[in-house]
C-alpha atoms as a PDB file:
ATOM      1  CA  MET A   1     134.135 115.794 101.492  1.00  0.00           C
ATOM      2  CA  LYS A   2     131.304 113.503  99.871  1.00  0.00           C
ATOM      3  CA  LYS A   3     132.055 112.079  96.396  1.00  0.00           C
ATOM      4  CA  GLU A   4     129.668 112.236  93.686  1.00  0.00           C
ATOM      5  CA  ARG A   5     129.347 108.611  92.074  1.00  0.00           C
ATOM      6  CA  ALA A   6     129.080 108.175  88.257  1.00  0.00           C
ATOM      7  CA  SER A   7     125.633 106.599  87.182  1.00  0.00           C
ATOM      8  CA  PRO A   8     125.720 103.011  86.186  1.00  0.00           C
ATOM      9  CA  GLN A   9     123.130 104.042  83.399  1.00  0.00           C
ATOM     10  CA  ALA A  10     124.036 106.236  80.766  1.00  0.00           C
ATOM     11  CA  SER A  11     120.511 107.028  79.581  1.00  0.00           C
ATOM     12  CA  HIS A  12     117.575 107.507  82.141  1.00  0.00           C
ATOM     13  CA  ASP A  13     114.123 105.601  81.836  1.00  0.00           C
ATOM     14  CA  ALA A  14     110.979 107.339  81.498  1.00  0.00           C
ATOM     15  CA  THR A  15     110.387 107.711  85.093  1.00  0.00           C
ATOM     16  CA  SER A  16     113.644 109.575  85.892  1.00  0.00           C
ATOM     17  CA  SER A  17     113.800 113.058  86.274  1.00  0.00           C
ATOM     18  CA  PRO A  18     116.793 115.542  87.309  1.00  0.00           C
ATOM     19  CA  GLU A  19     115.122 115.847  90.557  1.00  0.00           C
ATOM     20  CA  ALA A  20     114.050 112.840  91.337  1.00  0.00           C
ATOM     21  CA  PRO A  21     116.262 111.170  93.867  1.00  0.00           C
ATOM     22  CA  GLU A  22     118.785 108.747  92.775  1.00  0.00           C
ATOM     23  CA  LEU A  23     117.702 106.170  95.849  1.00  0.00           C
ATOM     24  CA  PRO A  24     113.593 107.131  95.867  1.00  0.00           C
ATOM     25  CA  THR A  25     112.250 105.757  99.386  1.00  0.00           C
ATOM     26  CA  GLU A  26     109.213 104.045  97.323  1.00  0.00           C
ATOM     27  CA  LYS A  27     111.966 101.422  96.120  1.00  0.00           C
ATOM     28  CA  ALA A  28     113.588 100.974  99.294  1.00  0.00           C
ATOM     29  CA  LEU A  29     113.448  97.294 100.509  1.00  0.00           C
ATOM     30  CA  VAL A  30     114.635  95.306 103.502  1.00  0.00           C
ATOM     31  CA  LEU A  31     116.023  91.774 103.041  1.00  0.00           C
ATOM     32  CA  GLN A  32     116.000  89.224 105.742  1.00  0.00           C
ATOM     33  CA  LEU A  33     118.126  85.865 105.354  1.00  0.00           C
ATOM     34  CA  THR A  34     117.095  82.677 107.176  1.00  0.00           C
ATOM     35  CA  ARG A  35     119.408  81.403 110.176  1.00  0.00           C
ATOM     36  CA  GLU A  36     120.371  78.876 107.814  1.00  0.00           C
ATOM     37  CA  THR A  37     121.912  80.964 105.071  1.00  0.00           C
ATOM     38  CA  GLY A  38     125.671  81.607 105.669  1.00  0.00           C
ATOM     39  CA  PRO A  39     128.306  83.701 103.842  1.00  0.00           C
ATOM     40  CA  SER A  40     128.462  81.815 100.730  1.00  0.00           C
ATOM     41  CA  LEU A  41     124.450  82.400 100.381  1.00  0.00           C
ATOM     42  CA  GLU A  42     123.873  78.874 100.756  1.00  0.00           C
ATOM     43  CA  PRO A  43     120.660  78.519 100.949  1.00  0.00           C
ATOM     44  CA  PHE A  44     119.301  81.479  99.512  1.00  0.00           C
ATOM     45  CA  ALA A  45     116.046  81.821 101.470  1.00  0.00           C
ATOM     46  CA  GLY A  46     114.414  84.464 103.492  1.00  0.00           C
ATOM     47  CA  ARG A  47     111.979  87.482 102.967  1.00  0.00           C
ATOM     48  CA  VAL A  48     112.047  90.751 101.353  1.00  0.00           C
ATOM     49  CA  GLU A  49     109.887  93.582 102.437  1.00  0.00           C
ATOM     50  CA  HIS A  50     108.609  96.823 100.948  1.00  0.00           C
ATOM     51  CA  ILE A  51     109.145  99.481 103.272  1.00  0.00           C
ATOM     52  CA  ALA A  52     106.753 102.062 102.199  1.00  0.00           C
ATOM     53  CA  SER A  53     103.557  99.478 101.985  1.00  0.00           C
ATOM     54  CA  GLY A  54     105.053  96.859 104.225  1.00  0.00           C
ATOM     55  CA  ARG A  55     104.653  94.305 101.926  1.00  0.00           C
ATOM     56  CA  ARG A  56     106.076  91.078 102.488  1.00  0.00           C
ATOM     57  CA  LEU A  57     107.195  88.149 100.053  1.00  0.00           C
ATOM     58  CA  ARG A  58     109.079  84.916 101.214  1.00  0.00           C
ATOM     59  CA  PHE A  59     111.883  83.263  99.043  1.00  0.00           C
ATOM     60  CA  GLY A  60     113.405  80.030  98.553  1.00  0.00           C
ATOM     61  CA  ASP A  61     116.438  80.821  96.175  1.00  0.00           C
ATOM     62  CA  PHE A  62     117.845  83.429  94.198  1.00  0.00           C
ATOM     63  CA  ALA A  63     115.237  83.304  91.000  1.00  0.00           C
ATOM     64  CA  ALA A  64     112.451  83.353  93.516  1.00  0.00           C
ATOM     65  CA  PHE A  65     113.832  86.322  95.563  1.00  0.00           C
ATOM     66  CA  ARG A  66     113.955  88.204  91.888  1.00  0.00           C
ATOM     67  CA  ALA A  67     110.718  87.625  91.183  1.00  0.00           C
ATOM     68  CA  ALA A  68     109.219  88.675  94.489  1.00  0.00           C
ATOM     69  CA  VAL A  69     110.944  92.061  94.089  1.00  0.00           C
ATOM     70  CA  THR A  70     110.050  92.130  90.671  1.00  0.00           C
ATOM     71  CA  ARG A  71     106.210  91.792  92.184  1.00  0.00           C
ATOM     72  CA  LEU A  72     106.913  94.107  94.803  1.00  0.00           C
ATOM     73  CA  LEU A  73     108.245  96.694  92.377  1.00  0.00           C
ATOM     74  CA  ALA A  74     105.683  96.321  89.668  1.00  0.00           C
ATOM     75  CA  GLU A  75     102.725  96.343  92.276  1.00  0.00           C
ATOM     76  CA  THR A  76     104.247  99.845  93.779  1.00  0.00           C
ATOM     77  CA  MET A  77     104.312 101.324  90.281  1.00  0.00           C
ATOM     78  CA  ARG A  78     100.598 100.346  89.552  1.00  0.00           C
ATOM     79  CA  SER A  79      99.752 101.777  92.742  1.00  0.00           C
ATOM     80  CA  SER A  80     101.400 104.918  92.115  1.00  0.00           C
ATOM     81  CA  GLU A  81      99.587 105.047  88.383  1.00  0.00           C
ATOM     82  CA  VAL A  82      96.192 104.708  89.963  1.00  0.00           C
ATOM     83  CA  GLY A  83      96.745 107.278  92.640  1.00  0.00           C
ATOM     84  CA  ARG A  84      97.863 109.889  89.953  1.00  0.00           C
ATOM     85  CA  GLY A  85      94.676 108.808  87.644  1.00  0.00           C
ATOM     86  CA  GLU A  86      96.798 106.976  85.032  1.00  0.00           C
END
């Protein structure tokens, strides 16, 4: 039997709706770390790929990784708004 998880957020943001999937495919990403990155995640370097668009960005540390994910998701949101005519 599958257990339901409690949502980590008590409130939903403006993009949430009851019928929206918890893990939308347009927010799916792949993290690929360099061969030098070990179990301690030092150094934390590699690339992140947005699955739906195929867009990839490289990063050299955790701050750059966060920036890359932020950029990829922002670009995705902008392009979906343009597609809806907003």
